[in-house]
Amino acid sequence: MDTKAPPGLFITGTDTEVGKTYVTAQIARALVAAGKKVGVYKPCASGCHPQPQESESQDDPEILWHAAGQPGELAAVCPQRFSAPLAPHVAARHEGGIVDEALLRSGIRYWQERSDIVLVEGVGGLMSPISDNDYVADLASEFGYPLIVVAPNALGVINQTLQTLIVAETFCDGLPVAGVVLNQVVAAAGDLSVASNVDELEKRCIPPVLACTGHGGALDRQVDWFELAGRVCYDER
């Protein structure tokens, strides 16, 4: 990553539907409250309206844009949007197109030029295909931002999180990980692991568990996201 570019965080997940957008939006709001100009970038998205909707829709790009205080142009948040709820490159084929691999990479410059910090939200997990030739991990590696790994507070999260951290450690030259956010996606509904998952992860993960959420709740710990992004980007990369 160009050291002249602003610091950033790359939010990934242990899987799809684990609350990446929910957590990214909370991080964006905290940074805005701290007086930072926040850029939000989702290289591509599927399963959403093909055109930007400035109303607070439930599509990921709109949620991120509103959480960041509606900076810049909404269309720049996610330059490639596809309707079908499939992997982006498959969704693009359904529409007779392809994912523009160059645009996946160049689209972030808009935000780097006008932000104090950039939040990038990936698609699915690190090894989710994002184009015919790229995985999410490829973009994470090229952007150089430390990872925030969002994991669901549910039975099985220990295995899922450790597998994601192993991928981060071994992909290319290794991807820096700032930490894990444990997100309770659904109400516990008798899942006894919810009470123990935090302690179990803290015993087994080298990157820290930065914060947790209850179902539909806020992050339970205050984190200096700006300081964290700069420290991990420049001191540990």
Foldseek 3Di string as FASTA:
>chain_A
DPPVFAFEEEEFELFALLCSLVQLLLVLLLCVVVVWQEAAAEAEEEQDDQDDDCPCDPDSLNSNCVSNVNPDDSCLRYVYYFNHPDQQQVRQVVVVHFRDPVSSQPSCVVDRVPTNYYYYYYGTHQQRDNGPPDGNVVNLVVVQWAYEYEFELAPPRLVSVVVRQVCQQPPDPHHHHQAYEYEHQDACVPGPSSVPVQVVNCVPDPRHHPFYAHHVGHTPDDDPVSVSRVCRRPVVD
